């Protein structure tokens, strides 16, 4: 009985940790996506690049941030 309660406690603790880390990662990706999309939109607006806003490009920007934007700009030149 006691062993089952301890097991449930650690299971709950593990789920809580996964959810907390998940929210941190989601907030990081959203912030990266917003900053990256602003930079990408600005570079498209001033004519430095011509990168279309597709789902794949948004995913690259969300994960890569500024480095993702730089990679997309370099790829669009070729």
C-alpha atoms as a PDB file:
ATOM      1  CA  UNK A   1       0.000   0.000   0.000  1.00  0.00           C
ATOM      2  CA  UNK A   2       2.745   2.432   0.965  1.00  0.00           C
ATOM      3  CA  UNK A   3       4.842   1.475  -2.049  1.00  0.00           C
ATOM      4  CA  UNK A   4       1.893   2.177  -4.361  1.00  0.00           C
ATOM      5  CA  UNK A   5       1.383   5.611  -2.820  1.00  0.00           C
ATOM      6  CA  UNK A   6       5.059   6.435  -3.239  1.00  0.00           C
ATOM      7  CA  UNK A   7       4.917   5.260  -6.846  1.00  0.00           C
ATOM      8  CA  UNK A   8       1.853   7.428  -7.527  1.00  0.00           C
ATOM      9  CA  UNK A   9       3.569  10.406  -5.911  1.00  0.00           C
ATOM     10  CA  UNK A  10       6.642  10.054  -8.138  1.00  0.00           C
ATOM     11  CA  UNK A  11       4.446   9.524 -11.197  1.00  0.00           C
ATOM     12  CA  UNK A  12       2.565  12.737 -10.389  1.00  0.00           C
ATOM     13  CA  UNK A  13       5.868  14.531  -9.843  1.00  0.00           C
ATOM     14  CA  UNK A  14       7.182  13.345 -13.228  1.00  0.00           C
ATOM     15  CA  UNK A  15       3.994  14.463 -15.017  1.00  0.00           C
ATOM     16  CA  UNK A  16       4.181  17.851 -13.304  1.00  0.00           C
ATOM     17  CA  UNK A  17       7.806  18.262 -14.383  1.00  0.00           C
ATOM     18  CA  UNK A  18       7.034  17.353 -18.011  1.00  0.00           C
ATOM     19  CA  UNK A  19       4.113  19.806 -18.154  1.00  0.00           C
ATOM     20  CA  UNK A  20       6.167  22.612 -16.595  1.00  0.00           C
ATOM     21  CA  UNK A  21       9.075  22.099 -19.004  1.00  0.00           C
ATOM     22  CA  UNK A  22       6.605  21.854 -21.890  1.00  0.00           C
ATOM     23  CA  UNK A  23       5.157  25.278 -21.102  1.00  0.00           C
ATOM     24  CA  UNK A  24       8.638  26.795 -20.921  1.00  0.00           C
ATOM     25  CA  UNK A  25       9.514  25.347 -24.324  1.00  0.00           C
ATOM     26  CA  UNK A  26       6.220  26.555 -25.831  1.00  0.00           C
ATOM     27  CA  UNK A  27       6.790  30.095 -24.519  1.00  0.00           C
ATOM     28  CA  UNK A  28      10.330  30.051 -25.936  1.00  0.00           C
ATOM     29  CA  UNK A  29       9.114  28.883 -29.352  1.00  0.00           C
ATOM     30  CA  UNK A  30       6.357  31.504 -29.456  1.00  0.00           C
ATOM     31  CA  UNK A  31       8.792  34.295 -28.549  1.00  0.00           C
ATOM     32  CA  UNK A  32      11.294  33.019 -31.127  1.00  0.00           C
ATOM     33  CA  UNK A  33       8.578  32.833 -33.785  1.00  0.00           C
ATOM     34  CA  UNK A  34       7.352  36.365 -33.112  1.00  0.00           C
ATOM     35  CA  UNK A  35      10.830  37.912 -33.174  1.00  0.00           C
ATOM     36  CA  UNK A  36      11.849  35.871 -36.202  1.00  0.00           C
ATOM     37  CA  UNK A  37       8.689  36.715 -38.138  1.00  0.00           C
ATOM     38  CA  UNK A  38       9.152  40.413 -37.399  1.00  0.00           C
ATOM     39  CA  UNK A  39      12.730  40.257 -38.675  1.00  0.00           C
ATOM     40  CA  UNK A  40      11.702  38.196 -41.710  1.00  0.00           C
ATOM     41  CA  UNK A  41       8.831  40.572 -42.504  1.00  0.00           C
ATOM     42  CA  UNK A  42      11.132  43.569 -42.190  1.00  0.00           C
ATOM     43  CA  UNK A  43      13.746  42.060 -44.501  1.00  0.00           C
ATOM     44  CA  UNK A  44      11.017  41.216 -47.024  1.00  0.00           C
ATOM     45  CA  UNK A  45       9.624  44.741 -46.717  1.00  0.00           C
ATOM     46  CA  UNK A  46      12.946  46.516 -47.369  1.00  0.00           C
ATOM     47  CA  UNK A  47      13.715  44.157 -50.236  1.00  0.00           C
ATOM     48  CA  UNK A  48      16.680  42.322 -48.730  1.00  0.00           C
ATOM     49  CA  UNK A  49      15.010  38.945 -49.222  1.00  0.00           C
ATOM     50  CA  UNK A  50      11.955  37.412 -50.836  1.00  0.00           C
ATOM     51  CA  UNK A  51      11.062  34.552 -48.498  1.00  0.00           C
ATOM     52  CA  UNK A  52       7.388  33.453 -48.595  1.00  0.00           C
ATOM     53  CA  UNK A  53       5.631  32.862 -45.276  1.00  0.00           C
ATOM     54  CA  UNK A  54       4.786  29.167 -45.509  1.00  0.00           C
ATOM     55  CA  UNK A  55       4.200  26.769 -42.636  1.00  0.00           C
ATOM     56  CA  UNK A  56       7.657  25.242 -43.098  1.00  0.00           C
ATOM     57  CA  UNK A  57       9.350  28.644 -43.044  1.00  0.00           C
ATOM     58  CA  UNK A  58       7.451  29.639 -39.889  1.00  0.00           C
ATOM     59  CA  UNK A  59       8.548  26.366 -38.269  1.00  0.00           C
ATOM     60  CA  UNK A  60      12.182  27.037 -39.206  1.00  0.00           C
ATOM     61  CA  UNK A  61      11.920  30.555 -37.764  1.00  0.00           C
ATOM     62  CA  UNK A  62      10.188  29.302 -34.595  1.00  0.00           C
ATOM     63  CA  UNK A  63      12.860  26.728 -33.867  1.00  0.00           C
ATOM     64  CA  UNK A  64      15.882  28.608 -35.173  1.00  0.00           C
ATOM     65  CA  UNK A  65      14.984  32.159 -34.193  1.00  0.00           C
ATOM     66  CA  UNK A  66      17.359  34.717 -35.673  1.00  0.00           C
ATOM     67  CA  UNK A  67      19.641  31.973 -36.985  1.00  0.00           C
ATOM     68  CA  UNK A  68      16.629  30.445 -38.748  1.00  0.00           C
ATOM     69  CA  UNK A  69      15.864  33.765 -40.414  1.00  0.00           C
ATOM     70  CA  UNK A  70      19.478  34.086 -41.540  1.00  0.00           C
ATOM     71  CA  UNK A  71      19.402  30.541 -42.920  1.00  0.00           C
ATOM     72  CA  UNK A  72      16.179  31.231 -44.854  1.00  0.00           C
ATOM     73  CA  UNK A  73      17.591  34.445 -46.299  1.00  0.00           C
ATOM     74  CA  UNK A  74      20.784  32.695 -47.390  1.00  0.00           C
ATOM     75  CA  UNK A  75      18.788  29.829 -48.937  1.00  0.00           C
ATOM     76  CA  UNK A  76      16.504  32.274 -50.777  1.00  0.00           C
ATOM     77  CA  UNK A  77      19.495  33.876 -52.501  1.00  0.00           C
ATOM     78  CA  UNK A  78      20.382  30.605 -54.258  1.00  0.00           C
END
